[in-house]
Amino acid sequence: MDNDSDILLVRRLKQGDERAFNQIVNRYQQRLYYLALRMVNDHEDAADISQEAFVKAYEGLSKFHENSSLYTWLYRIVINSAINHQRKKRLWAFLHLEDMKSLSGSPSGSPDKVLERNELADAVDKAIQELPEKQKAIFVLRYYENLSHREIAEIVGRSVGAVKASYFHAVNKLRKALARFVE
């Protein structure tokens, strides 16, 4: 996505062109949904969070400064919304984890291998969900979204060094949590 065209869309929207907002939604809806899904591990919650992020972006458009990337700004909104969502869930004293199976179709192989893969996938999802919120956000953005440490630092509002340290600690926690799967 071209940052210049994003800026033009934002300017059009600020001037009252509602079609520009639809273009922004179409451009980023899927990516923001999958980011939220990685954060909360629930399809319905991810849809709600990504939709809420667009509402917040629309309402807070005056806070968007054109010297930063629209993509980064939207990601920050989603991350913060996902963190707040998880906090609210903990307050209600239950964590609803959906079974996140491969989205690429039915698994192949022997029943034992399928069961083993499903068990590993569940363990990975659970281990990610148990990371502290900031570490989870940084891990998801780095590992699944393949963003640079600098981009992540901008999104989460931390220094590059702090992002690198958080990612390192997240990976170590995941290694420990998943040690039983390593032969």
N, C-alpha and C. Protein backbone atom coordinates (compact mmCIF):
# COMPACT_ATOMS: atom_id res chain seq x y z
N MET A 1 0.84 -1.16 0.00
CA MET A 1 0.00 0.00 0.00
C MET A 1 0.89 1.24 0.00
N ASP A 2 0.52 2.18 -0.78
CA ASP A 2 1.31 3.38 -0.93
C ASP A 2 0.89 4.41 0.11
N ASN A 3 1.84 4.84 0.93
CA ASN A 3 1.54 5.80 1.98
C ASN A 3 1.00 7.10 1.40
N ASP A 4 1.50 7.52 0.23
CA ASP A 4 1.02 8.75 -0.40
C ASP A 4 -0.46 8.64 -0.73
N SER A 5 -0.88 7.50 -1.27
CA SER A 5 -2.31 7.35 -1.60
C SER A 5 -3.15 7.29 -0.32
N ASP A 6 -2.59 6.74 0.76
CA ASP A 6 -3.30 6.76 2.04
C ASP A 6 -3.52 8.19 2.51
N ILE A 7 -2.50 9.00 2.40
CA ILE A 7 -2.59 10.40 2.82
C ILE A 7 -3.64 11.12 1.99
N LEU A 8 -3.67 10.84 0.70
CA LEU A 8 -4.69 11.46 -0.16
C LEU A 8 -6.10 11.04 0.26
N LEU A 9 -6.25 9.76 0.60
CA LEU A 9 -7.56 9.29 1.07
C LEU A 9 -7.96 9.99 2.36
N VAL A 10 -7.01 10.14 3.27
CA VAL A 10 -7.29 10.82 4.54
C VAL A 10 -7.69 12.27 4.28
N ARG A 11 -6.98 12.92 3.41
CA ARG A 11 -7.31 14.32 3.09
C ARG A 11 -8.70 14.43 2.48
N ARG A 12 -9.02 13.51 1.57
CA ARG A 12 -10.36 13.51 0.97
C ARG A 12 -11.42 13.29 2.04
N LEU A 13 -11.15 12.38 2.97
CA LEU A 13 -12.11 12.10 4.03
C LEU A 13 -12.29 13.32 4.93
N LYS A 14 -11.19 13.99 5.26
CA LYS A 14 -11.28 15.19 6.09
C LYS A 14 -12.08 16.29 5.40
N GLN A 15 -12.12 16.25 4.08
CA GLN A 15 -12.90 17.23 3.31
C GLN A 15 -14.35 16.78 3.11
N GLY A 16 -14.71 15.62 3.69
CA GLY A 16 -16.10 15.18 3.64
C GLY A 16 -16.42 14.10 2.63
N ASP A 17 -15.43 13.57 1.94
CA ASP A 17 -15.66 12.52 0.94
C ASP A 17 -15.74 11.16 1.65
N GLU A 18 -16.95 10.69 1.89
CA GLU A 18 -17.17 9.43 2.61
C GLU A 18 -16.67 8.22 1.81
N ARG A 19 -16.60 8.34 0.51
CA ARG A 19 -16.10 7.21 -0.31
C ARG A 19 -14.64 6.92 0.03
N ALA A 20 -13.91 7.93 0.44
CA ALA A 20 -12.51 7.74 0.81
C ALA A 20 -12.41 6.80 2.01
N PHE A 21 -13.33 6.94 2.95
CA PHE A 21 -13.32 6.05 4.12
C PHE A 21 -13.60 4.61 3.69
N ASN A 22 -14.54 4.43 2.78
CA ASN A 22 -14.82 3.08 2.27
C ASN A 22 -13.59 2.47 1.62
N GLN A 23 -12.81 3.27 0.92
CA GLN A 23 -11.58 2.78 0.30
C GLN A 23 -10.56 2.38 1.37
N ILE A 24 -10.46 3.16 2.42
CA ILE A 24 -9.56 2.83 3.52
C ILE A 24 -9.97 1.50 4.16
N VAL A 25 -11.28 1.36 4.41
CA VAL A 25 -11.78 0.12 5.01
C VAL A 25 -11.48 -1.06 4.09
N ASN A 26 -11.77 -0.92 2.82
CA ASN A 26 -11.51 -2.01 1.88
C ASN A 26 -10.03 -2.37 1.82
N ARG A 27 -9.18 -1.38 1.93
CA ARG A 27 -7.74 -1.59 1.84
C ARG A 27 -7.19 -2.34 3.06
N TYR A 28 -7.71 -2.05 4.24
CA TYR A 28 -7.10 -2.56 5.47
C TYR A 28 -7.97 -3.51 6.29
N GLN A 29 -9.21 -3.71 5.91
CA GLN A 29 -10.13 -4.51 6.71
C GLN A 29 -9.61 -5.92 7.00
N GLN A 30 -9.18 -6.61 6.00
CA GLN A 30 -8.74 -7.99 6.17
C GLN A 30 -7.48 -8.06 7.04
N ARG A 31 -6.52 -7.20 6.79
CA ARG A 31 -5.27 -7.22 7.56
C ARG A 31 -5.53 -6.90 9.03
N LEU A 32 -6.39 -5.93 9.29
CA LEU A 32 -6.68 -5.57 10.68
C LEU A 32 -7.47 -6.68 11.38
N TYR A 33 -8.36 -7.32 10.65
CA TYR A 33 -9.12 -8.44 11.22
C TYR A 33 -8.16 -9.55 11.65
N TYR A 34 -7.23 -9.93 10.77
CA TYR A 34 -6.31 -11.02 11.11
C TYR A 34 -5.35 -10.64 12.23
N LEU A 35 -4.99 -9.38 12.31
CA LEU A 35 -4.18 -8.92 13.44
C LEU A 35 -4.97 -9.08 14.74
N ALA A 36 -6.21 -8.64 14.74
CA ALA A 36 -7.06 -8.77 15.93
C ALA A 36 -7.28 -10.24 16.27
N LEU A 37 -7.46 -11.07 15.26
CA LEU A 37 -7.66 -12.50 15.49
C LEU A 37 -6.44 -13.12 16.17
N ARG A 38 -5.26 -12.74 15.74
CA ARG A 38 -4.04 -13.25 16.38
C ARG A 38 -3.94 -12.79 17.83
N MET A 39 -4.48 -11.63 18.11
CA MET A 39 -4.40 -11.08 19.46
C MET A 39 -5.42 -11.73 20.40
N VAL A 40 -6.64 -11.96 19.92
CA VAL A 40 -7.71 -12.42 20.82
C VAL A 40 -8.13 -13.86 20.59
N ASN A 41 -7.74 -14.45 19.46
CA ASN A 41 -8.00 -15.86 19.20
C ASN A 41 -9.49 -16.21 19.17
N ASP A 42 -10.31 -15.29 18.68
CA ASP A 42 -11.74 -15.52 18.57
C ASP A 42 -12.25 -14.73 17.37
N HIS A 43 -12.90 -15.42 16.43
CA HIS A 43 -13.34 -14.78 15.19
C HIS A 43 -14.33 -13.64 15.43
N GLU A 44 -15.34 -13.88 16.25
CA GLU A 44 -16.33 -12.84 16.51
C GLU A 44 -15.71 -11.63 17.20
N ASP A 45 -14.87 -11.88 18.18
CA ASP A 45 -14.20 -10.79 18.88
C ASP A 45 -13.29 -10.02 17.92
N ALA A 46 -12.59 -10.73 17.06
CA ALA A 46 -11.70 -10.07 16.11
C ALA A 46 -12.48 -9.18 15.15
N ALA A 47 -13.64 -9.68 14.71
CA ALA A 47 -14.49 -8.87 13.83
C ALA A 47 -14.96 -7.61 14.56
N ASP A 48 -15.37 -7.77 15.82
CA ASP A 48 -15.81 -6.62 16.61
C ASP A 48 -14.68 -5.62 16.81
N ILE A 49 -13.50 -6.13 17.14
CA ILE A 49 -12.35 -5.26 17.39
C ILE A 49 -11.95 -4.51 16.13
N SER A 50 -11.89 -5.20 15.00
CA SER A 50 -11.49 -4.51 13.77
C SER A 50 -12.54 -3.48 13.36
N GLN A 51 -13.81 -3.80 13.55
CA GLN A 51 -14.87 -2.84 13.24
C GLN A 51 -14.78 -1.63 14.19
N GLU A 52 -14.57 -1.90 15.46
CA GLU A 52 -14.41 -0.83 16.45
C GLU A 52 -13.21 0.04 16.11
N ALA A 53 -12.16 -0.55 15.61
CA ALA A 53 -10.96 0.21 15.24
C ALA A 53 -11.28 1.20 14.12
N PHE A 54 -12.07 0.77 13.15
CA PHE A 54 -12.43 1.69 12.08
C PHE A 54 -13.33 2.83 12.58
N VAL A 55 -14.22 2.51 13.50
CA VAL A 55 -15.06 3.56 14.09
C VAL A 55 -14.18 4.56 14.84
N LYS A 56 -13.25 4.04 15.65
CA LYS A 56 -12.33 4.93 16.38
C LYS A 56 -11.48 5.76 15.42
N ALA A 57 -11.03 5.15 14.34
CA ALA A 57 -10.22 5.87 13.36
C ALA A 57 -11.04 6.99 12.72
N TYR A 58 -12.27 6.67 12.36
CA TYR A 58 -13.15 7.67 11.74
C TYR A 58 -13.39 8.84 12.70
N GLU A 59 -13.71 8.49 13.95
CA GLU A 59 -13.99 9.53 14.95
C GLU A 59 -12.74 10.31 15.34
N GLY A 60 -11.58 9.67 15.28
CA GLY A 60 -10.35 10.32 15.70
C GLY A 60 -9.49 10.79 14.55
N LEU A 61 -10.09 10.95 13.40
CA LEU A 61 -9.33 11.34 12.21
C LEU A 61 -8.53 12.62 12.42
N SER A 62 -9.04 13.52 13.22
CA SER A 62 -8.31 14.77 13.46
C SER A 62 -7.00 14.53 14.19
N LYS A 63 -6.89 13.38 14.88
CA LYS A 63 -5.66 13.04 15.62
C LYS A 63 -4.61 12.40 14.73
N PHE A 64 -5.00 12.04 13.50
CA PHE A 64 -4.02 11.43 12.59
C PHE A 64 -3.14 12.51 12.02
N HIS A 65 -1.84 12.34 12.20
CA HIS A 65 -0.86 13.27 11.66
C HIS A 65 -0.27 12.66 10.40
N GLU A 66 -0.25 13.40 9.37
CA GLU A 66 0.15 12.89 8.07
C GLU A 66 1.62 12.56 7.96
N ASN A 67 2.40 12.80 9.01
CA ASN A 67 3.81 12.45 8.96
C ASN A 67 4.04 10.98 9.32
N SER A 68 3.00 10.30 9.76
CA SER A 68 3.12 8.86 10.03
C SER A 68 2.25 8.09 9.04
N SER A 69 2.44 6.79 9.01
CA SER A 69 1.71 5.92 8.09
C SER A 69 0.30 5.64 8.62
N LEU A 70 -0.68 5.71 7.74
CA LEU A 70 -2.05 5.38 8.11
C LEU A 70 -2.12 3.94 8.61
N TYR A 71 -1.41 3.07 7.93
CA TYR A 71 -1.34 1.65 8.28
C TYR A 71 -0.87 1.48 9.73
N THR A 72 0.19 2.16 10.09
CA THR A 72 0.74 2.09 11.45
C THR A 72 -0.27 2.63 12.46
N TRP A 73 -0.90 3.72 12.13
CA TRP A 73 -1.89 4.33 13.01
C TRP A 73 -3.07 3.38 13.24
N LEU A 74 -3.57 2.75 12.18
CA LEU A 74 -4.68 1.81 12.31
C LEU A 74 -4.26 0.58 13.12
N TYR A 75 -3.02 0.09 12.89
CA TYR A 75 -2.53 -1.05 13.65
C TYR A 75 -2.48 -0.73 15.14
N ARG A 76 -2.04 0.47 15.47
CA ARG A 76 -1.97 0.87 16.88
C ARG A 76 -3.37 0.85 17.51
N ILE A 77 -4.35 1.32 16.77
CA ILE A 77 -5.73 1.32 17.27
C ILE A 77 -6.20 -0.11 17.52
N VAL A 78 -5.91 -1.01 16.58
CA VAL A 78 -6.32 -2.41 16.74
C VAL A 78 -5.62 -3.05 17.93
N ILE A 79 -4.33 -2.84 18.05
CA ILE A 79 -3.57 -3.42 19.16
C ILE A 79 -4.14 -2.94 20.49
N ASN A 80 -4.35 -1.64 20.61
CA ASN A 80 -4.89 -1.09 21.86
C ASN A 80 -6.30 -1.61 22.13
N SER A 81 -7.12 -1.71 21.09
CA SER A 81 -8.48 -2.24 21.26
C SER A 81 -8.44 -3.71 21.69
N ALA A 82 -7.53 -4.47 21.11
CA ALA A 82 -7.41 -5.89 21.47
C ALA A 82 -6.93 -6.04 22.92
N ILE A 83 -5.98 -5.23 23.32
CA ILE A 83 -5.49 -5.28 24.70
C ILE A 83 -6.62 -4.92 25.66
N ASN A 84 -7.36 -3.88 25.36
CA ASN A 84 -8.49 -3.50 26.22
C ASN A 84 -9.55 -4.58 26.26
N HIS A 85 -9.78 -5.19 25.13
CA HIS A 85 -10.76 -6.29 25.07
C HIS A 85 -10.34 -7.44 25.98
N GLN A 86 -9.06 -7.82 25.92
CA GLN A 86 -8.57 -8.92 26.75
C GLN A 86 -8.67 -8.56 28.24
N ARG A 87 -8.39 -7.33 28.57
CA ARG A 87 -8.50 -6.89 29.97
C ARG A 87 -9.94 -7.03 30.45
N LYS A 88 -10.88 -6.62 29.63
CA LYS A 88 -12.30 -6.74 29.99
C LYS A 88 -12.68 -8.20 30.19
N LYS A 89 -12.16 -9.05 29.34
CA LYS A 89 -12.47 -10.49 29.47
C LYS A 89 -11.96 -11.05 30.79
N ARG A 90 -10.75 -10.63 31.16
CA ARG A 90 -10.19 -11.11 32.44
C ARG A 90 -11.01 -10.62 33.62
N LEU A 91 -11.54 -9.43 33.49
CA LEU A 91 -12.38 -8.91 34.57
C LEU A 91 -13.61 -9.78 34.77
N TRP A 92 -14.12 -10.35 33.71
CA TRP A 92 -15.27 -11.25 33.80
C TRP A 92 -14.86 -12.66 34.22
N ALA A 93 -13.57 -12.85 34.42
CA ALA A 93 -13.02 -14.09 34.98
C ALA A 93 -13.19 -15.33 34.12
N PHE A 94 -13.25 -15.14 32.84
CA PHE A 94 -13.16 -16.31 31.98
C PHE A 94 -12.53 -15.91 30.67
N LEU A 95 -11.76 -16.83 30.12
CA LEU A 95 -11.09 -16.59 28.86
C LEU A 95 -11.60 -17.62 27.86
N HIS A 96 -12.30 -17.14 26.89
CA HIS A 96 -12.90 -18.02 25.88
C HIS A 96 -11.92 -18.21 24.73
N LEU A 97 -11.38 -19.41 24.62
CA LEU A 97 -10.45 -19.70 23.53
C LEU A 97 -11.14 -20.58 22.49
N GLU A 98 -11.20 -20.10 21.29
CA GLU A 98 -11.73 -20.90 20.18
C GLU A 98 -10.63 -21.83 19.69
N ASP A 99 -11.02 -22.95 19.16
CA ASP A 99 -10.06 -23.88 18.60
C ASP A 99 -9.62 -23.35 17.24
N MET A 100 -8.35 -22.91 17.17
CA MET A 100 -7.82 -22.31 15.94
C MET A 100 -7.12 -23.40 15.11
N LYS A 101 -7.86 -23.97 14.24
CA LYS A 101 -7.28 -24.99 13.37
C LYS A 101 -6.80 -24.33 12.08
N SER A 102 -6.07 -25.04 11.32
CA SER A 102 -5.53 -24.52 10.07
C SER A 102 -6.66 -24.02 9.18
N LEU A 103 -6.49 -22.82 8.63
CA LEU A 103 -7.48 -22.25 7.73
C LEU A 103 -7.28 -22.73 6.30
N SER A 104 -6.27 -23.53 6.07
CA SER A 104 -5.92 -23.91 4.70
C SER A 104 -6.62 -25.17 4.23
N GLY A 105 -7.58 -25.68 4.98
CA GLY A 105 -8.29 -26.87 4.53
C GLY A 105 -8.11 -28.01 5.50
N SER A 106 -8.59 -29.18 5.09
CA SER A 106 -8.52 -30.32 5.98
C SER A 106 -7.10 -30.85 6.06
N PRO A 107 -6.67 -31.24 7.26
CA PRO A 107 -5.32 -31.76 7.41
C PRO A 107 -5.19 -33.13 6.77
N SER A 108 -3.97 -33.45 6.34
CA SER A 108 -3.74 -34.75 5.73
C SER A 108 -2.77 -35.53 6.61
N GLY A 109 -2.73 -36.81 6.37
CA GLY A 109 -1.82 -37.65 7.12
C GLY A 109 -2.58 -38.62 8.00
N SER A 110 -1.82 -39.40 8.74
CA SER A 110 -2.43 -40.40 9.63
C SER A 110 -3.19 -39.69 10.74
N PRO A 111 -4.17 -40.37 11.34
CA PRO A 111 -4.91 -39.76 12.45
C PRO A 111 -3.99 -39.33 13.60
N ASP A 112 -2.93 -40.11 13.86
CA ASP A 112 -2.00 -39.73 14.92
C ASP A 112 -1.29 -38.42 14.59
N LYS A 113 -0.86 -38.27 13.34
CA LYS A 113 -0.18 -37.04 12.91
C LYS A 113 -1.13 -35.85 12.96
N VAL A 114 -2.37 -36.06 12.53
CA VAL A 114 -3.37 -34.99 12.56
C VAL A 114 -3.60 -34.55 14.00
N LEU A 115 -3.76 -35.51 14.88
CA LEU A 115 -3.97 -35.21 16.30
C LEU A 115 -2.77 -34.46 16.88
N GLU A 116 -1.58 -34.91 16.52
CA GLU A 116 -0.36 -34.27 17.00
C GLU A 116 -0.27 -32.82 16.52
N ARG A 117 -0.58 -32.60 15.23
CA ARG A 117 -0.55 -31.24 14.68
C ARG A 117 -1.60 -30.35 15.36
N ASN A 118 -2.78 -30.90 15.57
CA ASN A 118 -3.84 -30.13 16.23
C ASN A 118 -3.46 -29.80 17.67
N GLU A 119 -2.85 -30.75 18.34
CA GLU A 119 -2.41 -30.52 19.72
C GLU A 119 -1.34 -29.44 19.76
N LEU A 120 -0.42 -29.48 18.82
CA LEU A 120 0.63 -28.46 18.74
C LEU A 120 0.01 -27.09 18.44
N ALA A 121 -0.89 -27.03 17.47
CA ALA A 121 -1.54 -25.76 17.13
C ALA A 121 -2.27 -25.18 18.34
N ASP A 122 -2.97 -26.03 19.07
CA ASP A 122 -3.67 -25.57 20.28
C ASP A 122 -2.67 -25.06 21.32
N ALA A 123 -1.57 -25.78 21.48
CA ALA A 123 -0.56 -25.38 22.47
C ALA A 123 0.08 -24.05 22.08
N VAL A 124 0.36 -23.86 20.80
CA VAL A 124 0.94 -22.60 20.33
C VAL A 124 -0.04 -21.45 20.58
N ASP A 125 -1.30 -21.64 20.21
CA ASP A 125 -2.30 -20.60 20.43
C ASP A 125 -2.44 -20.26 21.91
N LYS A 126 -2.47 -21.29 22.74
CA LYS A 126 -2.61 -21.07 24.18
C LYS A 126 -1.38 -20.34 24.73
N ALA A 127 -0.20 -20.75 24.29
CA ALA A 127 1.03 -20.11 24.76
C ALA A 127 1.08 -18.64 24.35
N ILE A 128 0.65 -18.33 23.14
CA ILE A 128 0.62 -16.93 22.70
C ILE A 128 -0.38 -16.14 23.53
N GLN A 129 -1.54 -16.72 23.78
CA GLN A 129 -2.56 -16.03 24.56
C GLN A 129 -2.10 -15.75 25.99
N GLU A 130 -1.20 -16.57 26.51
CA GLU A 130 -0.73 -16.40 27.89
C GLU A 130 0.41 -15.40 28.02
N LEU A 131 0.93 -14.91 26.90
CA LEU A 131 1.96 -13.88 26.97
C LEU A 131 1.36 -12.59 27.54
N PRO A 132 2.18 -11.80 28.23
CA PRO A 132 1.70 -10.47 28.64
C PRO A 132 1.25 -9.70 27.40
N GLU A 133 0.26 -8.84 27.54
CA GLU A 133 -0.37 -8.18 26.41
C GLU A 133 0.61 -7.47 25.47
N LYS A 134 1.53 -6.70 26.00
CA LYS A 134 2.48 -5.98 25.14
C LYS A 134 3.40 -6.96 24.41
N GLN A 135 3.85 -8.01 25.10
CA GLN A 135 4.70 -9.02 24.44
C GLN A 135 3.92 -9.73 23.35
N LYS A 136 2.66 -10.03 23.63
CA LYS A 136 1.82 -10.71 22.63
C LYS A 136 1.68 -9.82 21.39
N ALA A 137 1.40 -8.55 21.61
CA ALA A 137 1.25 -7.62 20.48
C ALA A 137 2.53 -7.57 19.66
N ILE A 138 3.65 -7.44 20.32
CA ILE A 138 4.94 -7.35 19.63
C ILE A 138 5.24 -8.65 18.90
N PHE A 139 5.00 -9.80 19.54
CA PHE A 139 5.25 -11.08 18.90
C PHE A 139 4.38 -11.24 17.65
N VAL A 140 3.10 -10.94 17.77
CA VAL A 140 2.18 -11.10 16.64
C VAL A 140 2.59 -10.19 15.48
N LEU A 141 2.92 -8.94 15.80
CA LEU A 141 3.31 -8.01 14.73
C LEU A 141 4.61 -8.44 14.05
N ARG A 142 5.54 -8.97 14.81
CA ARG A 142 6.83 -9.37 14.24
C ARG A 142 6.73 -10.70 13.50
N TYR A 143 6.17 -11.71 14.18
CA TYR A 143 6.18 -13.07 13.64
C TYR A 143 5.12 -13.27 12.55
N TYR A 144 3.89 -12.84 12.81
CA TYR A 144 2.81 -13.10 11.87
C TYR A 144 2.66 -11.99 10.82
N GLU A 145 2.89 -10.74 11.22
CA GLU A 145 2.73 -9.63 10.29
C GLU A 145 4.04 -9.24 9.62
N ASN A 146 5.16 -9.80 10.11
CA ASN A 146 6.48 -9.59 9.53
C ASN A 146 6.87 -8.11 9.46
N LEU A 147 6.49 -7.36 10.49
CA LEU A 147 6.86 -5.96 10.54
C LEU A 147 8.25 -5.82 11.14
N SER A 148 8.92 -4.74 10.80
CA SER A 148 10.25 -4.49 11.35
C SER A 148 10.13 -4.03 12.80
N HIS A 149 11.24 -4.11 13.52
CA HIS A 149 11.24 -3.63 14.91
C HIS A 149 10.89 -2.14 14.97
N ARG A 150 11.37 -1.39 14.01
CA ARG A 150 11.08 0.04 13.96
C ARG A 150 9.58 0.30 13.76
N GLU A 151 8.95 -0.44 12.83
CA GLU A 151 7.52 -0.28 12.60
C GLU A 151 6.72 -0.66 13.85
N ILE A 152 7.13 -1.73 14.49
CA ILE A 152 6.44 -2.17 15.71
C ILE A 152 6.60 -1.13 16.80
N ALA A 153 7.79 -0.57 16.94
CA ALA A 153 8.04 0.47 17.95
C ALA A 153 7.10 1.64 17.75
N GLU A 154 6.90 2.02 16.51
CA GLU A 154 5.99 3.13 16.20
C GLU A 154 4.55 2.76 16.56
N ILE A 155 4.15 1.53 16.27
CA ILE A 155 2.79 1.10 16.54
C ILE A 155 2.50 1.04 18.04
N VAL A 156 3.40 0.45 18.80
CA VAL A 156 3.14 0.26 20.24
C VAL A 156 3.65 1.40 21.10
N GLY A 157 4.33 2.36 20.48
CA GLY A 157 4.78 3.52 21.23
C GLY A 157 5.93 3.24 22.19
N ARG A 158 6.85 2.38 21.78
CA ARG A 158 8.01 2.04 22.60
C ARG A 158 9.26 2.20 21.75
N SER A 159 10.41 2.16 22.40
CA SER A 159 11.66 2.28 21.67
C SER A 159 11.95 0.97 20.92
N VAL A 160 12.79 1.06 19.91
CA VAL A 160 13.18 -0.13 19.15
C VAL A 160 13.85 -1.14 20.09
N GLY A 161 14.70 -0.67 20.98
CA GLY A 161 15.36 -1.57 21.94
C GLY A 161 14.36 -2.29 22.83
N ALA A 162 13.35 -1.57 23.29
CA ALA A 162 12.32 -2.20 24.14
C ALA A 162 11.53 -3.23 23.35
N VAL A 163 11.27 -2.94 22.08
CA VAL A 163 10.56 -3.89 21.22
C VAL A 163 11.39 -5.15 21.02
N LYS A 164 12.68 -4.98 20.75
CA LYS A 164 13.55 -6.14 20.56
C LYS A 164 13.62 -6.98 21.83
N ALA A 165 13.71 -6.33 22.97
CA ALA A 165 13.76 -7.06 24.25
C ALA A 165 12.45 -7.80 24.50
N SER A 166 11.32 -7.15 24.24
CA SER A 166 10.02 -7.80 24.45
C SER A 166 9.85 -8.99 23.53
N TYR A 167 10.28 -8.85 22.28
CA TYR A 167 10.18 -9.96 21.33
C TYR A 167 11.05 -11.12 21.80
N PHE A 168 12.26 -10.82 22.22
CA PHE A 168 13.17 -11.84 22.73
C PHE A 168 12.55 -12.58 23.90
N HIS A 169 11.97 -11.84 24.86
CA HIS A 169 11.35 -12.47 26.03
C HIS A 169 10.12 -13.29 25.63
N ALA A 170 9.35 -12.79 24.68
CA ALA A 170 8.18 -13.53 24.21
C ALA A 170 8.59 -14.86 23.59
N VAL A 171 9.61 -14.83 22.75
CA VAL A 171 10.09 -16.06 22.09
C VAL A 171 10.59 -17.05 23.14
N ASN A 172 11.32 -16.57 24.13
CA ASN A 172 11.81 -17.46 25.18
C ASN A 172 10.66 -18.07 25.97
N LYS A 173 9.66 -17.30 26.29
CA LYS A 173 8.49 -17.84 27.00
C LYS A 173 7.77 -18.89 26.16
N LEU A 174 7.66 -18.62 24.86
CA LEU A 174 7.00 -19.58 23.98
C LEU A 174 7.82 -20.87 23.87
N ARG A 175 9.14 -20.73 23.78
CA ARG A 175 10.00 -21.93 23.74
C ARG A 175 9.80 -22.78 24.99
N LYS A 176 9.77 -22.15 26.15
CA LYS A 176 9.57 -22.89 27.40
C LYS A 176 8.19 -23.55 27.43
N ALA A 177 7.18 -22.80 27.01
CA ALA A 177 5.81 -23.34 27.04
C ALA A 177 5.63 -24.50 26.06
N LEU A 178 6.42 -24.51 24.99
CA LEU A 178 6.27 -25.53 23.96
C LEU A 178 7.39 -26.55 23.96
N ALA A 179 8.21 -26.57 25.01
CA ALA A 179 9.37 -27.46 25.09
C ALA A 179 9.00 -28.92 24.92
N ARG A 180 7.85 -29.31 25.39
CA ARG A 180 7.46 -30.73 25.31
C ARG A 180 7.24 -31.20 23.85
N PHE A 181 7.10 -30.26 22.92
CA PHE A 181 6.91 -30.63 21.53
C PHE A 181 8.21 -30.73 20.74
N VAL A 182 9.30 -30.30 21.35
CA VAL A 182 10.60 -30.34 20.68
C VAL A 182 11.27 -31.67 20.98
N GLU A 183 11.69 -32.35 19.94
CA GLU A 183 12.32 -33.65 20.13
C GLU A 183 13.82 -33.49 20.23
